[in-house]
Amino acid sequence: MAEKPTLLCSKCGVGLAFAPVTFRYLKRSFRQEALRCPECGQVHLPEDLVTGKMKELEVSLEDK
C-alpha cells in the first residue's frame, strides 16, 4: 500500500504537520486543525476549508 505524499513547506522544505491554528476575521476568531510548517509556521489552507467553513464564517459575520 502506498503512503500519501507529505506536503512540504515552500519556504523551509520541511514536511507539514497538523497543528491547531487560530484564524481571525472582523475581530472574531476560531481554531481549526490545519497543516502547518513546524519551523516557520506557514499554514497550508486546503480549498475545502477556504470555500467551506471559512466562507460560512465570513458570510455570517458580514451579515451582522
Protein backbone atom coordinates (compact mmCIF):
# COMPACT_ATOMS: atom_id res chain seq x y z
CA MET A 1 0.00 0.00 0.00
CA ALA A 2 1.46 3.39 -1.00
CA GLU A 3 1.66 6.18 1.58
CA LYS A 4 0.10 9.55 0.87
CA PRO A 5 2.86 12.02 -0.08
CA THR A 6 3.75 14.60 2.55
CA LEU A 7 3.30 18.26 1.67
CA LEU A 8 6.47 20.30 2.08
CA CYS A 9 6.81 23.92 3.17
CA SER A 10 7.71 26.04 0.15
CA LYS A 11 9.95 28.21 2.33
CA CYS A 12 11.76 25.64 4.52
CA GLY A 13 11.36 22.38 2.61
CA VAL A 14 10.17 20.68 5.83
CA GLY A 15 7.17 18.32 5.93
CA LEU A 16 3.94 19.94 7.15
CA ALA A 17 2.20 18.55 10.22
CA PHE A 18 -1.31 19.03 11.64
CA ALA A 19 -1.43 21.66 14.38
CA PRO A 20 -4.11 23.92 15.87
CA VAL A 21 -4.25 27.27 14.05
CA THR A 22 -6.20 30.37 15.11
CA PHE A 23 -7.89 32.29 12.30
CA ARG A 24 -9.09 35.87 12.84
CA TYR A 25 -11.63 37.87 10.83
CA LEU A 26 -13.53 41.03 11.78
CA LYS A 27 -12.46 40.84 15.45
CA ARG A 28 -13.65 37.23 15.68
CA SER A 29 -11.51 34.13 15.80
CA PHE A 30 -11.85 30.38 15.52
CA ARG A 31 -9.44 27.49 15.90
CA GLN A 32 -9.01 24.74 13.34
CA GLU A 33 -6.54 21.92 12.83
CA ALA A 34 -4.53 22.64 9.68
CA LEU A 35 -1.27 21.61 8.07
CA ARG A 36 1.47 23.89 9.32
CA CYS A 37 5.25 24.12 8.97
CA PRO A 38 6.86 23.24 12.32
CA GLU A 39 9.80 25.57 11.55
CA CYS A 40 8.37 28.84 10.16
CA GLY A 41 4.66 28.42 10.99
CA GLN A 42 3.40 28.84 7.39
CA VAL A 43 -0.08 27.30 7.07
CA HIS A 44 -1.46 25.29 4.14
CA LEU A 45 -5.13 26.14 3.52
CA PRO A 46 -6.91 23.41 1.56
CA GLU A 47 -9.66 24.51 -0.80
CA ASP A 48 -12.40 22.73 1.17
CA LEU A 49 -11.54 24.72 4.33
CA VAL A 50 -11.46 28.05 2.47
CA THR A 51 -14.67 27.51 0.48
CA GLY A 52 -16.42 25.72 3.35
CA LYS A 53 -16.02 26.72 6.98
CA MET A 54 -14.15 29.99 6.38
CA LYS A 55 -16.64 31.15 3.74
CA GLU A 56 -19.58 30.34 6.05
CA LEU A 57 -17.99 32.32 8.88
CA GLU A 58 -17.23 35.28 6.59
CA VAL A 59 -20.82 35.44 5.34
CA SER A 60 -22.34 35.11 8.81
CA LEU A 61 -20.11 37.85 10.29
CA GLU A 62 -20.67 40.29 7.41
CA ASP A 63 -24.46 39.83 7.64
CA LYS A 64 -24.45 41.04 11.26
